[in-house]
Amino acid sequence: MKLARRPEYVNQCDCSVCLRIGAAWGYFGNGEVTIEGETGRFQPSDIAEPGLSFHFCPSCGSTTNWAALAHAPRERMGVNMRLFKPGDLDGLEARFSDGLGREGAGPRPPDRHAPITVRERWPT
C-alpha cells in the first residue's frame, strides 16, 4: 500500500464493525492511495444498506482499508494505520469517535474523550 501523504489524524472508531476488526483509520482522498496486490472484501451484515466495503489481505487476514460502495459514493477512503510502524505515525493525533453511539444518519456524537498522540496510544 502506498500513501500520497500522512493522514491528518488517526481515528479509532468503536462502531459494530471497527470494534471487531481492530482498525485505526487514516482518511485519504480516493486518488491518494495505491493498493498493490489482491484484497478480499466484506460488507457488514448487521446494516440494512451498508455504504462501505471492508478490504483485507487474503494471505494474512489483516484489514487494509474501507471503500465506498457504488450506491453510496464518498470522496474519501479509510486506510488501516495499524499496518504501519508506530514511528511512522509520530506526532499524529489519535481520536476516539463514538461509533456505537451513532445511529442512523443523525448528527455525529461527540468523541469519547480528548485526542492524544499516536505515540501515547501505541508506545514502542
PDB file of N, CA and C in Angstrom:
ATOM      1  N   MET A   1       0.856  -1.165   0.000  1.00  0.00           N
ATOM      2  CA  MET A   1       0.000   0.000   0.000  1.00  0.00           C
ATOM      3  C   MET A   1       0.903   1.230   0.000  1.00  0.00           C
ATOM      4  N   LYS A   2       0.595   2.175  -0.875  1.00  0.00           N
ATOM      5  CA  LYS A   2       1.346   3.424  -0.941  1.00  0.00           C
ATOM      6  C   LYS A   2       0.393   4.586  -0.700  1.00  0.00           C
ATOM      7  N   LEU A   3       0.829   5.501   0.160  1.00  0.00           N
ATOM      8  CA  LEU A   3       0.027   6.673   0.508  1.00  0.00           C
ATOM      9  C   LEU A   3       0.704   7.919  -0.029  1.00  0.00           C
ATOM     10  N   ALA A   4      -0.072   8.860  -0.520  1.00  0.00           N
ATOM     11  CA  ALA A   4       0.465  10.110  -1.053  1.00  0.00           C
ATOM     12  C   ALA A   4       0.953  11.034   0.063  1.00  0.00           C
ATOM     13  N   ARG A   5       0.473  10.805   1.288  1.00  0.00           N
ATOM     14  CA  ARG A   5       0.812  11.676   2.407  1.00  0.00           C
ATOM     15  C   ARG A   5       0.452  10.965   3.707  1.00  0.00           C
ATOM     16  N   ARG A   6       0.836  11.553   4.812  1.00  0.00           N
ATOM     17  CA  ARG A   6       0.387  11.056   6.116  1.00  0.00           C
ATOM     18  C   ARG A   6      -1.044  11.543   6.348  1.00  0.00           C
ATOM     19  N   PRO A   7      -1.832  10.795   7.122  1.00  0.00           N
ATOM     20  CA  PRO A   7      -3.184  11.279   7.426  1.00  0.00           C
ATOM     21  C   PRO A   7      -3.117  12.471   8.379  1.00  0.00           C
ATOM     22  N   GLU A   8      -4.188  13.233   8.442  1.00  0.00           N
ATOM     23  CA  GLU A   8      -4.249  14.369   9.366  1.00  0.00           C
ATOM     24  C   GLU A   8      -4.351  13.889  10.821  1.00  0.00           C
ATOM     25  N   TYR A   9      -4.980  12.748  11.025  1.00  0.00           N
ATOM     26  CA  TYR A   9      -5.133  12.142  12.341  1.00  0.00           C
ATOM     27  C   TYR A   9      -5.467  10.672  12.149  1.00  0.00           C
ATOM     28  N   VAL A  10      -5.469   9.914  13.232  1.00  0.00           N
ATOM     29  CA  VAL A  10      -5.842   8.502  13.212  1.00  0.00           C
ATOM     30  C   VAL A  10      -7.100   8.361  14.066  1.00  0.00           C
ATOM     31  N   ASN A  11      -8.133   7.756  13.494  1.00  0.00           N
ATOM     32  CA  ASN A  11      -9.423   7.620  14.161  1.00  0.00           C
ATOM     33  C   ASN A  11      -9.619   6.191  14.640  1.00  0.00           C
ATOM     34  N   GLN A  12      -9.901   6.042  15.920  1.00  0.00           N
ATOM     35  CA  GLN A  12     -10.213   4.743  16.486  1.00  0.00           C
ATOM     36  C   GLN A  12     -11.704   4.700  16.761  1.00  0.00           C
ATOM     37  N   CYS A  13     -12.427   4.210  15.792  1.00  0.00           N
ATOM     38  CA  CYS A  13     -13.883   4.120  15.860  1.00  0.00           C
ATOM     39  C   CYS A  13     -14.276   2.869  16.640  1.00  0.00           C
ATOM     40  N   ASP A  14     -15.413   2.928  17.320  1.00  0.00           N
ATOM     41  CA  ASP A  14     -15.904   1.748  18.029  1.00  0.00           C
ATOM     42  C   ASP A  14     -17.282   1.319  17.524  1.00  0.00           C
ATOM     43  N   CYS A  15     -17.536   1.533  16.233  1.00  0.00           N
ATOM     44  CA  CYS A  15     -18.805   1.053  15.671  1.00  0.00           C
ATOM     45  C   CYS A  15     -18.794  -0.479  15.666  1.00  0.00           C
ATOM     46  N   SER A  16     -19.888  -1.082  15.289  1.00  0.00           N
ATOM     47  CA  SER A  16     -20.018  -2.539  15.356  1.00  0.00           C
ATOM     48  C   SER A  16     -18.984  -3.266  14.497  1.00  0.00           C
ATOM     49  N   VAL A  17     -18.507  -2.659  13.426  1.00  0.00           N
ATOM     50  CA  VAL A  17     -17.502  -3.301  12.576  1.00  0.00           C
ATOM     51  C   VAL A  17     -16.092  -2.987  13.076  1.00  0.00           C
ATOM     52  N   CYS A  18     -15.784  -1.719  13.219  1.00  0.00           N
ATOM     53  CA  CYS A  18     -14.418  -1.313  13.585  1.00  0.00           C
ATOM     54  C   CYS A  18     -13.988  -1.894  14.921  1.00  0.00           C
ATOM     55  N   LEU A  19     -14.909  -1.978  15.850  1.00  0.00           N
ATOM     56  CA  LEU A  19     -14.611  -2.546  17.161  1.00  0.00           C
ATOM     57  C   LEU A  19     -14.109  -3.983  17.022  1.00  0.00           C
ATOM     58  N   ARG A  20     -14.701  -4.730  16.124  1.00  0.00           N
ATOM     59  CA  ARG A  20     -14.358  -6.138  15.970  1.00  0.00           C
ATOM     60  C   ARG A  20     -13.096  -6.364  15.138  1.00  0.00           C
ATOM     61  N   ILE A  21     -12.858  -5.516  14.153  1.00  0.00           N
ATOM     62  CA  ILE A  21     -11.673  -5.734  13.313  1.00  0.00           C
ATOM     63  C   ILE A  21     -10.436  -5.025  13.845  1.00  0.00           C
ATOM     64  N   GLY A  22     -10.602  -4.138  14.817  1.00  0.00           N
ATOM     65  CA  GLY A  22      -9.463  -3.520  15.478  1.00  0.00           C
ATOM     66  C   GLY A  22      -8.691  -2.532  14.628  1.00  0.00           C
ATOM     67  N   ALA A  23      -9.324  -1.925  13.673  1.00  0.00           N
ATOM     68  CA  ALA A  23      -8.637  -0.975  12.797  1.00  0.00           C
ATOM     69  C   ALA A  23      -8.556   0.405  13.436  1.00  0.00           C
ATOM     70  N   ALA A  24      -7.575   1.164  12.999  1.00  0.00           N
ATOM     71  CA  ALA A  24      -7.415   2.573  13.361  1.00  0.00           C
ATOM     72  C   ALA A  24      -7.252   3.311  12.039  1.00  0.00           C
ATOM     73  N   TRP A  25      -8.199   4.146  11.691  1.00  0.00           N
ATOM     74  CA  TRP A  25      -8.306   4.678  10.333  1.00  0.00           C
ATOM     75  C   TRP A  25      -7.593   6.007  10.121  1.00  0.00           C
ATOM     76  N   GLY A  26      -6.893   6.086   9.014  1.00  0.00           N
ATOM     77  CA  GLY A  26      -6.409   7.339   8.455  1.00  0.00           C
ATOM     78  C   GLY A  26      -7.238   7.579   7.206  1.00  0.00           C
ATOM     79  N   TYR A  27      -7.617   8.805   6.941  1.00  0.00           N
ATOM     80  CA  TYR A  27      -8.513   9.094   5.824  1.00  0.00           C
ATOM     81  C   TYR A  27      -7.768   9.798   4.700  1.00  0.00           C
ATOM     82  N   PHE A  28      -8.097   9.389   3.472  1.00  0.00           N
ATOM     83  CA  PHE A  28      -7.417   9.886   2.283  1.00  0.00           C
ATOM     84  C   PHE A  28      -8.423  10.048   1.153  1.00  0.00           C
ATOM     85  N   GLY A  29      -8.125  10.974   0.235  1.00  0.00           N
ATOM     86  CA  GLY A  29      -8.907  11.064  -0.987  1.00  0.00           C
ATOM     87  C   GLY A  29      -8.743   9.783  -1.776  1.00  0.00           C
ATOM     88  N   ASN A  30      -9.729   9.430  -2.573  1.00  0.00           N
ATOM     89  CA  ASN A  30      -9.693   8.167  -3.304  1.00  0.00           C
ATOM     90  C   ASN A  30      -8.455   8.029  -4.187  1.00  0.00           C
ATOM     91  N   GLY A  31      -7.917   9.131  -4.705  1.00  0.00           N
ATOM     92  CA  GLY A  31      -6.745   9.068  -5.566  1.00  0.00           C
ATOM     93  C   GLY A  31      -5.421   9.127  -4.828  1.00  0.00           C
ATOM     94  N   GLU A  32      -5.453   9.182  -3.503  1.00  0.00           N
ATOM     95  CA  GLU A  32      -4.222   9.315  -2.723  1.00  0.00           C
ATOM     96  C   GLU A  32      -3.660   7.985  -2.222  1.00  0.00           C
ATOM     97  N   VAL A  33      -4.320   6.887  -2.546  1.00  0.00           N
ATOM     98  CA  VAL A  33      -3.901   5.576  -2.060  1.00  0.00           C
ATOM     99  C   VAL A  33      -3.755   4.622  -3.231  1.00  0.00           C
ATOM    100  N   THR A  34      -2.637   3.899  -3.250  1.00  0.00           N
ATOM    101  CA  THR A  34      -2.427   2.852  -4.253  1.00  0.00           C
ATOM    102  C   THR A  34      -2.324   1.530  -3.511  1.00  0.00           C
ATOM    103  N   ILE A  35      -3.182   0.599  -3.875  1.00  0.00           N
ATOM    104  CA  ILE A  35      -3.164  -0.723  -3.257  1.00  0.00           C
ATOM    105  C   ILE A  35      -2.626  -1.705  -4.280  1.00  0.00           C
ATOM    106  N   GLU A  36      -1.540  -2.353  -3.918  1.00  0.00           N
ATOM    107  CA  GLU A  36      -0.917  -3.340  -4.805  1.00  0.00           C
ATOM    108  C   GLU A  36      -1.285  -4.729  -4.326  1.00  0.00           C
ATOM    109  N   GLY A  37      -1.594  -5.599  -5.229  1.00  0.00           N
ATOM    110  CA  GLY A  37      -1.975  -6.963  -4.865  1.00  0.00           C
ATOM    111  C   GLY A  37      -3.475  -7.083  -4.660  1.00  0.00           C
ATOM    112  N   GLU A  38      -3.888  -8.308  -4.397  1.00  0.00           N
ATOM    113  CA  GLU A  38      -5.311  -8.592  -4.231  1.00  0.00           C
ATOM    114  C   GLU A  38      -5.772  -8.297  -2.810  1.00  0.00           C
ATOM    115  N   THR A  39      -7.029  -7.958  -2.692  1.00  0.00           N
ATOM    116  CA  THR A  39      -7.667  -7.883  -1.384  1.00  0.00           C
ATOM    117  C   THR A  39      -8.984  -8.630  -1.457  1.00  0.00           C
ATOM    118  N   GLY A  40      -9.349  -9.241  -0.348  1.00  0.00           N
ATOM    119  CA  GLY A  40     -10.691  -9.778  -0.197  1.00  0.00           C
ATOM    120  C   GLY A  40     -11.547  -8.657   0.368  1.00  0.00           C
ATOM    121  N   ARG A  41     -12.847  -8.835   0.397  1.00  0.00           N
ATOM    122  CA  ARG A  41     -13.692  -7.790   0.971  1.00  0.00           C
ATOM    123  C   ARG A  41     -14.955  -8.379   1.561  1.00  0.00           C
ATOM    124  N   PHE A  42     -15.525  -7.628   2.485  1.00  0.00           N
ATOM    125  CA  PHE A  42     -16.813  -7.995   3.057  1.00  0.00           C
ATOM    126  C   PHE A  42     -17.599  -6.732   3.339  1.00  0.00           C
ATOM    127  N   GLN A  43     -18.906  -6.902   3.465  1.00  0.00           N
ATOM    128  CA  GLN A  43     -19.797  -5.806   3.808  1.00  0.00           C
ATOM    129  C   GLN A  43     -20.504  -6.177   5.108  1.00  0.00           C
ATOM    130  N   PRO A  44     -20.734  -5.201   5.974  1.00  0.00           N
ATOM    131  CA  PRO A  44     -21.408  -5.508   7.246  1.00  0.00           C
ATOM    132  C   PRO A  44     -22.763  -6.155   6.999  1.00  0.00           C
ATOM    133  N   SER A  45     -23.050  -7.200   7.756  1.00  0.00           N
ATOM    134  CA  SER A  45     -24.334  -7.885   7.608  1.00  0.00           C
ATOM    135  C   SER A  45     -25.367  -7.379   8.599  1.00  0.00           C
ATOM    136  N   ASP A  46     -24.935  -6.551   9.569  1.00  0.00           N
ATOM    137  CA  ASP A  46     -25.874  -6.047  10.565  1.00  0.00           C
ATOM    138  C   ASP A  46     -26.453  -4.685  10.186  1.00  0.00           C
ATOM    139  N   ILE A  47     -26.145  -4.217   8.974  1.00  0.00           N
ATOM    140  CA  ILE A  47     -26.638  -2.931   8.484  1.00  0.00           C
ATOM    141  C   ILE A  47     -27.487  -3.212   7.248  1.00  0.00           C
ATOM    142  N   ALA A  48     -28.698  -2.676   7.228  1.00  0.00           N
ATOM    143  CA  ALA A  48     -29.635  -2.972   6.138  1.00  0.00           C
ATOM    144  C   ALA A  48     -29.066  -2.603   4.765  1.00  0.00           C
ATOM    145  N   GLU A  49     -28.519  -1.415   4.631  1.00  0.00           N
ATOM    146  CA  GLU A  49     -27.933  -0.979   3.365  1.00  0.00           C
ATOM    147  C   GLU A  49     -26.533  -0.409   3.628  1.00  0.00           C
ATOM    148  N   PRO A  50     -25.530  -1.284   3.738  1.00  0.00           N
ATOM    149  CA  PRO A  50     -24.192  -0.770   4.039  1.00  0.00           C
ATOM    150  C   PRO A  50     -23.672   0.121   2.914  1.00  0.00           C
ATOM    151  N   GLY A  51     -22.932   1.138   3.292  1.00  0.00           N
ATOM    152  CA  GLY A  51     -22.360   2.050   2.301  1.00  0.00           C
ATOM    153  C   GLY A  51     -20.878   1.811   2.060  1.00  0.00           C
ATOM    154  N   LEU A  52     -20.293   0.905   2.852  1.00  0.00           N
ATOM    155  CA  LEU A  52     -18.858   0.649   2.761  1.00  0.00           C
ATOM    156  C   LEU A  52     -18.586  -0.834   2.585  1.00  0.00           C
ATOM    157  N   SER A  53     -17.467  -1.134   1.932  1.00  0.00           N
ATOM    158  CA  SER A  53     -16.938  -2.490   1.942  1.00  0.00           C
ATOM    159  C   SER A  53     -15.580  -2.428   2.628  1.00  0.00           C
ATOM    160  N   PHE A  54     -15.285  -3.436   3.418  1.00  0.00           N
ATOM    161  CA  PHE A  54     -14.027  -3.515   4.151  1.00  0.00           C
ATOM    162  C   PHE A  54     -13.130  -4.522   3.450  1.00  0.00           C
ATOM    163  N   HIS A  55     -11.893  -4.126   3.206  1.00  0.00           N
ATOM    164  CA  HIS A  55     -10.961  -4.957   2.450  1.00  0.00           C
ATOM    165  C   HIS A  55      -9.896  -5.527   3.381  1.00  0.00           C
ATOM    166  N   PHE A  56      -9.398  -6.723   3.024  1.00  0.00           N
ATOM    167  CA  PHE A  56      -8.400  -7.387   3.849  1.00  0.00           C
ATOM    168  C   PHE A  56      -7.434  -8.170   2.971  1.00  0.00           C
ATOM    169  N   CYS A  57      -6.266  -8.467   3.525  1.00  0.00           N
ATOM    170  CA  CYS A  57      -5.264  -9.257   2.830  1.00  0.00           C
ATOM    171  C   CYS A  57      -5.690 -10.727   2.875  1.00  0.00           C
ATOM    172  N   PRO A  58      -5.824 -11.394   1.715  1.00  0.00           N
ATOM    173  CA  PRO A  58      -6.249 -12.791   1.739  1.00  0.00           C
ATOM    174  C   PRO A  58      -5.170 -13.736   2.285  1.00  0.00           C
ATOM    175  N   SER A  59      -3.922 -13.286   2.356  1.00  0.00           N
ATOM    176  CA  SER A  59      -2.849 -14.145   2.880  1.00  0.00           C
ATOM    177  C   SER A  59      -2.799 -14.146   4.401  1.00  0.00           C
ATOM    178  N   CYS A  60      -2.833 -12.941   5.014  1.00  0.00           N
ATOM    179  CA  CYS A  60      -2.676 -12.855   6.474  1.00  0.00           C
ATOM    180  C   CYS A  60      -3.960 -12.486   7.206  1.00  0.00           C
ATOM    181  N   GLY A  61      -4.966 -11.998   6.484  1.00  0.00           N
ATOM    182  CA  GLY A  61      -6.242 -11.635   7.094  1.00  0.00           C
ATOM    183  C   GLY A  61      -6.313 -10.222   7.645  1.00  0.00           C
ATOM    184  N   SER A  62      -5.225  -9.453   7.577  1.00  0.00           N
ATOM    185  CA  SER A  62      -5.231  -8.091   8.113  1.00  0.00           C
ATOM    186  C   SER A  62      -6.162  -7.187   7.320  1.00  0.00           C
ATOM    187  N   THR A  63      -6.934  -6.378   8.041  1.00  0.00           N
ATOM    188  CA  THR A  63      -7.787  -5.384   7.399  1.00  0.00           C
ATOM    189  C   THR A  63      -6.896  -4.318   6.795  1.00  0.00           C
ATOM    190  N   THR A  64      -7.119  -3.981   5.534  1.00  0.00           N
ATOM    191  CA  THR A  64      -6.280  -2.994   4.841  1.00  0.00           C
ATOM    192  C   THR A  64      -6.965  -1.639   4.720  1.00  0.00           C
ATOM    193  N   ASN A  65      -8.245  -1.627   4.347  1.00  0.00           N
ATOM    194  CA  ASN A  65      -8.920  -0.356   4.077  1.00  0.00           C
ATOM    195  C   ASN A  65     -10.423  -0.555   3.974  1.00  0.00           C
ATOM    196  N   TRP A  66     -11.122   0.563   3.930  1.00  0.00           N
ATOM    197  CA  TRP A  66     -12.530   0.531   3.551  1.00  0.00           C
ATOM    198  C   TRP A  66     -12.714   1.445   2.350  1.00  0.00           C
ATOM    199  N   ALA A  67     -13.723   1.128   1.567  1.00  0.00           N
ATOM    200  CA  ALA A  67     -14.043   1.931   0.387  1.00  0.00           C
ATOM    201  C   ALA A  67     -15.553   2.011   0.253  1.00  0.00           C
ATOM    202  N   ALA A  68     -16.012   3.101  -0.338  1.00  0.00           N
ATOM    203  CA  ALA A  68     -17.453   3.306  -0.523  1.00  0.00           C
ATOM    204  C   ALA A  68     -17.989   2.370  -1.604  1.00  0.00           C
ATOM    205  N   LEU A  69     -19.218   1.934  -1.421  1.00  0.00           N
ATOM    206  CA  LEU A  69     -19.903   1.151  -2.444  1.00  0.00           C
ATOM    207  C   LEU A  69     -20.509   2.092  -3.484  1.00  0.00           C
ATOM    208  N   ALA A  70     -20.769   1.587  -4.667  1.00  0.00           N
ATOM    209  CA  ALA A  70     -21.223   2.420  -5.785  1.00  0.00           C
ATOM    210  C   ALA A  70     -22.499   3.198  -5.465  1.00  0.00           C
ATOM    211  N   HIS A  71     -23.424   2.618  -4.704  1.00  0.00           N
ATOM    212  CA  HIS A  71     -24.687   3.295  -4.411  1.00  0.00           C
ATOM    213  C   HIS A  71     -24.544   4.375  -3.333  1.00  0.00           C
ATOM    214  N   ALA A  72     -23.371   4.447  -2.682  1.00  0.00           N
ATOM    215  CA  ALA A  72     -23.148   5.428  -1.610  1.00  0.00           C
ATOM    216  C   ALA A  72     -21.767   6.065  -1.778  1.00  0.00           C
ATOM    217  N   PRO A  73     -21.554   6.766  -2.882  1.00  0.00           N
ATOM    218  CA  PRO A  73     -20.202   7.279  -3.165  1.00  0.00           C
ATOM    219  C   PRO A  73     -19.704   8.271  -2.115  1.00  0.00           C
ATOM    220  N   ARG A  74     -18.408   8.238  -1.878  1.00  0.00           N
ATOM    221  CA  ARG A  74     -17.729   9.159  -0.966  1.00  0.00           C
ATOM    222  C   ARG A  74     -16.466   9.634  -1.652  1.00  0.00           C
ATOM    223  N   GLU A  75     -15.979  10.773  -1.221  1.00  0.00           N
ATOM    224  CA  GLU A  75     -14.754  11.312  -1.799  1.00  0.00           C
ATOM    225  C   GLU A  75     -13.520  10.874  -1.035  1.00  0.00           C
ATOM    226  N   ARG A  76     -13.694  10.006  -0.021  1.00  0.00           N
ATOM    227  CA  ARG A  76     -12.546   9.548   0.738  1.00  0.00           C
ATOM    228  C   ARG A  76     -12.658   8.056   1.012  1.00  0.00           C
ATOM    229  N   MET A  77     -11.540   7.512   1.463  1.00  0.00           N
ATOM    230  CA  MET A  77     -11.487   6.121   1.888  1.00  0.00           C
ATOM    231  C   MET A  77     -10.693   6.058   3.183  1.00  0.00           C
ATOM    232  N   GLY A  78     -10.818   4.961   3.894  1.00  0.00           N
ATOM    233  CA  GLY A  78     -10.075   4.776   5.133  1.00  0.00           C
ATOM    234  C   GLY A  78      -9.000   3.724   4.957  1.00  0.00           C
ATOM    235  N   VAL A  79      -7.818   3.975   5.507  1.00  0.00           N
ATOM    236  CA  VAL A  79      -6.706   3.036   5.470  1.00  0.00           C
ATOM    237  C   VAL A  79      -6.384   2.648   6.911  1.00  0.00           C
ATOM    238  N   ASN A  80      -6.197   1.362   7.148  1.00  0.00           N
ATOM    239  CA  ASN A  80      -5.875   0.879   8.486  1.00  0.00           C
ATOM    240  C   ASN A  80      -4.435   1.246   8.825  1.00  0.00           C
ATOM    241  N   MET A  81      -4.274   2.244   9.674  1.00  0.00           N
ATOM    242  CA  MET A  81      -2.945   2.739  10.013  1.00  0.00           C
ATOM    243  C   MET A  81      -2.193   1.791  10.942  1.00  0.00           C
ATOM    244  N   ARG A  82      -2.859   0.776  11.461  1.00  0.00           N
ATOM    245  CA  ARG A  82      -2.163  -0.225  12.268  1.00  0.00           C
ATOM    246  C   ARG A  82      -1.226  -1.075  11.414  1.00  0.00           C
ATOM    247  N   LEU A  83      -1.324  -0.972  10.105  1.00  0.00           N
ATOM    248  CA  LEU A  83      -0.410  -1.692   9.218  1.00  0.00           C
ATOM    249  C   LEU A  83       0.977  -1.050   9.177  1.00  0.00           C
ATOM    250  N   PHE A  84       1.078   0.167   9.684  1.00  0.00           N
ATOM    251  CA  PHE A  84       2.326   0.913   9.636  1.00  0.00           C
ATOM    252  C   PHE A  84       2.999   0.880  11.007  1.00  0.00           C
ATOM    253  N   LYS A  85       4.297   1.100  11.034  1.00  0.00           N
ATOM    254  CA  LYS A  85       5.039   1.142  12.297  1.00  0.00           C
ATOM    255  C   LYS A  85       4.612   2.373  13.085  1.00  0.00           C
ATOM    256  N   PRO A  86       4.513   2.261  14.410  1.00  0.00           N
ATOM    257  CA  PRO A  86       4.130   3.428  15.213  1.00  0.00           C
ATOM    258  C   PRO A  86       5.026   4.639  14.961  1.00  0.00           C
ATOM    259  N   GLY A  87       6.309   4.431  14.733  1.00  0.00           N
ATOM    260  CA  GLY A  87       7.216   5.546  14.464  1.00  0.00           C
ATOM    261  C   GLY A  87       6.851   6.321  13.213  1.00  0.00           C
ATOM    262  N   ASP A  88       6.210   5.636  12.254  1.00  0.00           N
ATOM    263  CA  ASP A  88       5.770   6.314  11.028  1.00  0.00           C
ATOM    264  C   ASP A  88       4.641   7.300  11.308  1.00  0.00           C
ATOM    265  N   LEU A  89       4.011   7.155  12.455  1.00  0.00           N
ATOM    266  CA  LEU A  89       2.844   7.972  12.800  1.00  0.00           C
ATOM    267  C   LEU A  89       3.143   8.990  13.894  1.00  0.00           C
ATOM    268  N   ASP A  90       4.418   9.118  14.251  1.00  0.00           N
ATOM    269  CA  ASP A  90       4.803  10.068  15.302  1.00  0.00           C
ATOM    270  C   ASP A  90       4.212  11.451  15.052  1.00  0.00           C
ATOM    271  N   GLY A  91       3.693  12.040  16.113  1.00  0.00           N
ATOM    272  CA  GLY A  91       3.156  13.392  16.039  1.00  0.00           C
ATOM    273  C   GLY A  91       1.710  13.471  15.593  1.00  0.00           C
ATOM    274  N   LEU A  92       1.137  12.383  15.095  1.00  0.00           N
ATOM    275  CA  LEU A  92      -0.264  12.411  14.673  1.00  0.00           C
ATOM    276  C   LEU A  92      -1.183  12.302  15.882  1.00  0.00           C
ATOM    277  N   GLU A  93      -2.314  12.943  15.764  1.00  0.00           N
ATOM    278  CA  GLU A  93      -3.334  12.884  16.804  1.00  0.00           C
ATOM    279  C   GLU A  93      -4.124  11.595  16.664  1.00  0.00           C
ATOM    280  N   ALA A  94      -4.421  10.942  17.776  1.00  0.00           N
ATOM    281  CA  ALA A  94      -5.318   9.788  17.805  1.00  0.00           C
ATOM    282  C   ALA A  94      -6.657  10.259  18.355  1.00  0.00           C
ATOM    283  N   ARG A  95      -7.711  10.044  17.594  1.00  0.00           N
ATOM    284  CA  ARG A  95      -9.064  10.436  18.022  1.00  0.00           C
ATOM    285  C   ARG A  95      -9.890   9.188  18.301  1.00  0.00           C
ATOM    286  N   PHE A  96     -10.886   9.335  19.143  1.00  0.00           N
ATOM    287  CA  PHE A  96     -11.681   8.202  19.585  1.00  0.00           C
ATOM    288  C   PHE A  96     -13.163   8.494  19.361  1.00  0.00           C
ATOM    289  N   SER A  97     -13.645   8.203  18.176  1.00  0.00           N
ATOM    290  CA  SER A  97     -15.038   8.519  17.862  1.00  0.00           C
ATOM    291  C   SER A  97     -15.983   7.498  18.491  1.00  0.00           C
ATOM    292  N   ASP A  98     -17.165   7.953  18.784  1.00  0.00           N
ATOM    293  CA  ASP A  98     -18.199   7.128  19.406  1.00  0.00           C
ATOM    294  C   ASP A  98     -19.082   6.531  18.319  1.00  0.00           C
ATOM    295  N   GLY A  99     -18.566   5.521  17.631  1.00  0.00           N
ATOM    296  CA  GLY A  99     -19.317   4.880  16.557  1.00  0.00           C
ATOM    297  C   GLY A  99     -20.534   4.124  17.059  1.00  0.00           C
ATOM    298  N   LEU A 100     -20.441   3.530  18.245  1.00  0.00           N
ATOM    299  CA  LEU A 100     -21.584   2.804  18.798  1.00  0.00           C
ATOM    300  C   LEU A 100     -22.718   3.743  19.178  1.00  0.00           C
ATOM    301  N   GLY A 101     -22.374   4.990  19.511  1.00  0.00           N
ATOM    302  CA  GLY A 101     -23.387   5.959  19.905  1.00  0.00           C
ATOM    303  C   GLY A 101     -24.107   6.594  18.732  1.00  0.00           C
ATOM    304  N   ARG A 102     -23.633   6.309  17.534  1.00  0.00           N
ATOM    305  CA  ARG A 102     -24.250   6.903  16.356  1.00  0.00           C
ATOM    306  C   ARG A 102     -25.244   5.931  15.754  1.00  0.00           C
ATOM    307  N   GLU A 103     -26.455   6.382  15.608  1.00  0.00           N
ATOM    308  CA  GLU A 103     -27.481   5.552  14.986  1.00  0.00           C
ATOM    309  C   GLU A 103     -28.074   6.311  13.822  1.00  0.00           C
ATOM    310  N   GLY A 104     -28.163   5.662  12.679  1.00  0.00           N
ATOM    311  CA  GLY A 104     -28.763   6.291  11.503  1.00  0.00           C
ATOM    312  C   GLY A 104     -27.918   7.426  10.967  1.00  0.00           C
ATOM    313  N   ALA A 105     -28.590   8.374  10.327  1.00  0.00           N
ATOM    314  CA  ALA A 105     -27.897   9.469   9.651  1.00  0.00           C
ATOM    315  C   ALA A 105     -27.913  10.759  10.461  1.00  0.00           C
ATOM    316  N   GLY A 106     -28.188  10.666  11.738  1.00  0.00           N
ATOM    317  CA  GLY A 106     -28.246  11.855  12.579  1.00  0.00           C
ATOM    318  C   GLY A 106     -26.877  12.477  12.789  1.00  0.00           C
ATOM    319  N   PRO A 107     -26.822  13.495  13.633  1.00  0.00           N
ATOM    320  CA  PRO A 107     -25.546  14.158  13.876  1.00  0.00           C
ATOM    321  C   PRO A 107     -24.552  13.221  14.560  1.00  0.00           C
ATOM    322  N   ARG A 108     -23.292  13.466  14.307  1.00  0.00           N
ATOM    323  CA  ARG A 108     -22.237  12.653  14.890  1.00  0.00           C
ATOM    324  C   ARG A 108     -22.126  12.953  16.381  1.00  0.00           C
ATOM    325  N   PRO A 109     -22.094  11.905  17.226  1.00  0.00           N
ATOM    326  CA  PRO A 109     -21.944  12.158  18.666  1.00  0.00           C
ATOM    327  C   PRO A 109     -20.537  12.674  18.976  1.00  0.00           C
ATOM    328  N   PRO A 110     -20.351  13.283  20.134  1.00  0.00           N
ATOM    329  CA  PRO A 110     -19.014  13.772  20.479  1.00  0.00           C
ATOM    330  C   PRO A 110     -18.047  12.610  20.666  1.00  0.00           C
ATOM    331  N   ASP A 111     -16.766  12.893  20.513  1.00  0.00           N
ATOM    332  CA  ASP A 111     -15.746  11.875  20.741  1.00  0.00           C
ATOM    333  C   ASP A 111     -15.827  11.374  22.169  1.00  0.00           C
ATOM    334  N   ARG A 112     -15.367  10.152  22.403  1.00  0.00           N
ATOM    335  CA  ARG A 112     -15.437   9.541  23.728  1.00  0.00           C
ATOM    336  C   ARG A 112     -14.529  10.222  24.736  1.00  0.00           C
ATOM    337  N   HIS A 113     -13.382  10.730  24.292  1.00  0.00           N
ATOM    338  CA  HIS A 113     -12.512  11.509  25.172  1.00  0.00           C
ATOM    339  C   HIS A 113     -11.559  12.335  24.321  1.00  0.00           C
ATOM    340  N   ALA A 114     -10.791  13.182  24.965  1.00  0.00           N
ATOM    341  CA  ALA A 114      -9.909  14.101  24.244  1.00  0.00           C
ATOM    342  C   ALA A 114      -8.865  13.340  23.433  1.00  0.00           C
ATOM    343  N   PRO A 115      -8.472  13.893  22.294  1.00  0.00           N
ATOM    344  CA  PRO A 115      -7.433  13.246  21.482  1.00  0.00           C
ATOM    345  C   PRO A 115      -6.102  13.175  22.235  1.00  0.00           C
ATOM    346  N   ILE A 116      -5.295  12.172  21.874  1.00  0.00           N
ATOM    347  CA  ILE A 116      -3.926  12.040  22.358  1.00  0.00           C
ATOM    348  C   ILE A 116      -3.040  11.803  21.144  1.00  0.00           C
ATOM    349  N   THR A 117      -1.744  11.722  21.326  1.00  0.00           N
ATOM    350  CA  THR A 117      -0.884  11.417  20.185  1.00  0.00           C
ATOM    351  C   THR A 117      -0.851   9.915  19.960  1.00  0.00           C
ATOM    352  N   VAL A 118      -0.545   9.523  18.742  1.00  0.00           N
ATOM    353  CA  VAL A 118      -0.436   8.102  18.431  1.00  0.00           C
ATOM    354  C   VAL A 118       0.630   7.457  19.311  1.00  0.00           C
ATOM    355  N   ARG A 119       1.721   8.144  19.573  1.00  0.00           N
ATOM    356  CA  ARG A 119       2.812   7.595  20.409  1.00  0.00           C
ATOM    357  C   ARG A 119       2.290   7.265  21.813  1.00  0.00           C
ATOM    358  N   GLU A 120       1.378   8.093  22.343  1.00  0.00           N
ATOM    359  CA  GLU A 120       0.814   7.806  23.665  1.00  0.00           C
ATOM    360  C   GLU A 120      -0.077   6.573  23.624  1.00  0.00           C
ATOM    361  N   ARG A 121      -0.729   6.369  22.500  1.00  0.00           N
ATOM    362  CA  ARG A 121      -1.644   5.233  22.348  1.00  0.00           C
ATOM    363  C   ARG A 121      -0.884   3.946  22.060  1.00  0.00           C
ATOM    364  N   TRP A 122       0.117   4.019  21.198  1.00  0.00           N
ATOM    365  CA  TRP A 122       0.881   2.845  20.772  1.00  0.00           C
ATOM    366  C   TRP A 122       2.353   3.031  21.107  1.00  0.00           C
ATOM    367  N   PRO A 123       2.734   2.986  22.365  1.00  0.00           N
ATOM    368  CA  PRO A 123       4.152   3.170  22.697  1.00  0.00           C
ATOM    369  C   PRO A 123       4.980   2.028  22.106  1.00  0.00           C
ATOM    370  N   THR A 124       6.214   2.325  21.773  1.00  0.00           N
ATOM    371  CA  THR A 124       7.069   1.280  21.198  1.00  0.00           C
ATOM    372  C   THR A 124       7.964   0.676  22.240  1.00  0.00           C
TER     373      THR A 124
END
